[in-house]
Amino acid sequence: MSTLESIFWHIIGYAAMPAIFVFGFIAVAAGALWILSLGPDRDA
């Protein structure tokens, strides 16, 4: 594997875990808001 390929795969590898956490957080937050929006609105 060339040096350029090695650098490329190291960048991909180190960027994968934070990206999974960030996109996972966004997906869970969006899902929770959608589920909460299905319930009755309480304007008390």
N, C-alpha and C. Protein backbone atom coordinates (compact mmCIF):
# COMPACT_ATOMS: atom_id res chain seq x y z
N MET A 1 0.86 -1.18 0.00
CA MET A 1 0.00 0.00 0.00
C MET A 1 0.89 1.23 0.00
N SER A 2 0.55 2.19 -0.84
CA SER A 2 1.36 3.39 -0.94
C SER A 2 1.14 4.29 0.28
N THR A 3 2.00 5.26 0.41
CA THR A 3 1.89 6.21 1.52
C THR A 3 0.59 7.00 1.44
N LEU A 4 0.20 7.39 0.23
CA LEU A 4 -1.04 8.13 0.06
C LEU A 4 -2.24 7.30 0.48
N GLU A 5 -2.26 6.03 0.09
CA GLU A 5 -3.35 5.14 0.50
C GLU A 5 -3.38 4.98 2.02
N SER A 6 -2.23 4.84 2.61
CA SER A 6 -2.14 4.68 4.06
C SER A 6 -2.69 5.91 4.78
N ILE A 7 -2.32 7.08 4.32
CA ILE A 7 -2.82 8.33 4.91
C ILE A 7 -4.33 8.41 4.74
N PHE A 8 -4.82 8.08 3.55
CA PHE A 8 -6.25 8.13 3.27
C PHE A 8 -7.02 7.22 4.22
N TRP A 9 -6.58 5.97 4.40
CA TRP A 9 -7.30 5.03 5.25
C TRP A 9 -7.18 5.39 6.72
N HIS A 10 -6.08 6.01 7.13
CA HIS A 10 -5.98 6.48 8.51
C HIS A 10 -6.98 7.60 8.77
N ILE A 11 -7.11 8.53 7.82
CA ILE A 11 -8.08 9.63 7.97
C ILE A 11 -9.50 9.07 8.04
N ILE A 12 -9.83 8.14 7.14
CA ILE A 12 -11.16 7.51 7.15
C ILE A 12 -11.41 6.80 8.47
N GLY A 13 -10.41 6.07 8.95
CA GLY A 13 -10.56 5.32 10.19
C GLY A 13 -10.77 6.22 11.40
N TYR A 14 -10.01 7.30 11.48
CA TYR A 14 -10.14 8.19 12.63
C TYR A 14 -11.39 9.06 12.56
N ALA A 15 -11.93 9.29 11.38
CA ALA A 15 -13.13 10.11 11.23
C ALA A 15 -14.40 9.28 11.42
N ALA A 16 -14.30 7.96 11.29
CA ALA A 16 -15.50 7.12 11.33
C ALA A 16 -16.20 7.15 12.68
N MET A 17 -15.48 6.99 13.78
CA MET A 17 -16.11 6.88 15.08
C MET A 17 -16.81 8.18 15.49
N PRO A 18 -16.18 9.35 15.40
CA PRO A 18 -16.93 10.57 15.73
C PRO A 18 -18.14 10.79 14.83
N ALA A 19 -18.02 10.44 13.56
CA ALA A 19 -19.15 10.60 12.64
C ALA A 19 -20.31 9.70 13.06
N ILE A 20 -20.00 8.45 13.47
CA ILE A 20 -21.05 7.53 13.91
C ILE A 20 -21.75 8.09 15.14
N PHE A 21 -20.98 8.62 16.10
CA PHE A 21 -21.59 9.19 17.30
C PHE A 21 -22.47 10.39 16.97
N VAL A 22 -21.97 11.30 16.14
CA VAL A 22 -22.72 12.52 15.82
C VAL A 22 -23.99 12.18 15.06
N PHE A 23 -23.88 11.38 14.00
CA PHE A 23 -25.07 11.04 13.21
C PHE A 23 -26.03 10.16 14.00
N GLY A 24 -25.51 9.32 14.88
CA GLY A 24 -26.38 8.53 15.75
C GLY A 24 -27.16 9.41 16.70
N PHE A 25 -26.49 10.40 17.28
CA PHE A 25 -27.17 11.34 18.18
C PHE A 25 -28.27 12.10 17.44
N ILE A 26 -27.96 12.57 16.24
CA ILE A 26 -28.95 13.31 15.45
C ILE A 26 -30.14 12.41 15.11
N ALA A 27 -29.86 11.17 14.74
CA ALA A 27 -30.94 10.24 14.37
C ALA A 27 -31.83 9.94 15.58
N VAL A 28 -31.23 9.71 16.75
CA VAL A 28 -32.01 9.42 17.95
C VAL A 28 -32.83 10.64 18.35
N ALA A 29 -32.24 11.84 18.28
CA ALA A 29 -32.97 13.05 18.63
C ALA A 29 -34.15 13.27 17.68
N ALA A 30 -33.93 13.08 16.38
CA ALA A 30 -35.00 13.26 15.41
C ALA A 30 -36.10 12.23 15.63
N GLY A 31 -35.72 10.99 15.89
CA GLY A 31 -36.71 9.95 16.16
C GLY A 31 -37.51 10.24 17.41
N ALA A 32 -36.85 10.71 18.46
CA ALA A 32 -37.56 11.02 19.70
C ALA A 32 -38.53 12.18 19.49
N LEU A 33 -38.10 13.20 18.77
CA LEU A 33 -39.00 14.34 18.51
C LEU A 33 -40.19 13.90 17.66
N TRP A 34 -39.96 13.02 16.70
CA TRP A 34 -41.06 12.54 15.86
C TRP A 34 -42.06 11.74 16.70
N ILE A 35 -41.54 10.85 17.56
CA ILE A 35 -42.43 10.06 18.40
C ILE A 35 -43.21 10.96 19.36
N LEU A 36 -42.54 11.96 19.93
CA LEU A 36 -43.24 12.88 20.83
C LEU A 36 -44.29 13.70 20.08
N SER A 37 -44.05 13.99 18.82
CA SER A 37 -45.02 14.79 18.06
C SER A 37 -46.28 14.00 17.73
N LEU A 38 -46.23 12.68 17.85
CA LEU A 38 -47.41 11.85 17.57
C LEU A 38 -48.41 11.90 18.71
N GLY A 39 -47.95 12.23 19.91
CA GLY A 39 -48.81 12.24 21.08
C GLY A 39 -49.72 13.46 21.09
N PRO A 40 -50.63 13.51 22.07
CA PRO A 40 -51.54 14.65 22.17
C PRO A 40 -50.81 15.91 22.62
N ASP A 41 -51.21 17.04 22.06
CA ASP A 41 -50.62 18.32 22.47
C ASP A 41 -51.30 18.78 23.74
N ARG A 42 -50.51 19.15 24.70
CA ARG A 42 -51.06 19.59 25.99
C ARG A 42 -50.76 21.07 26.17
N ASP A 43 -51.75 21.90 25.98
CA ASP A 43 -51.60 23.34 26.15
C ASP A 43 -52.24 23.75 27.47
N ALA A 44 -51.58 23.41 28.56
CA ALA A 44 -52.16 23.69 29.88
C ALA A 44 -51.63 25.00 30.42
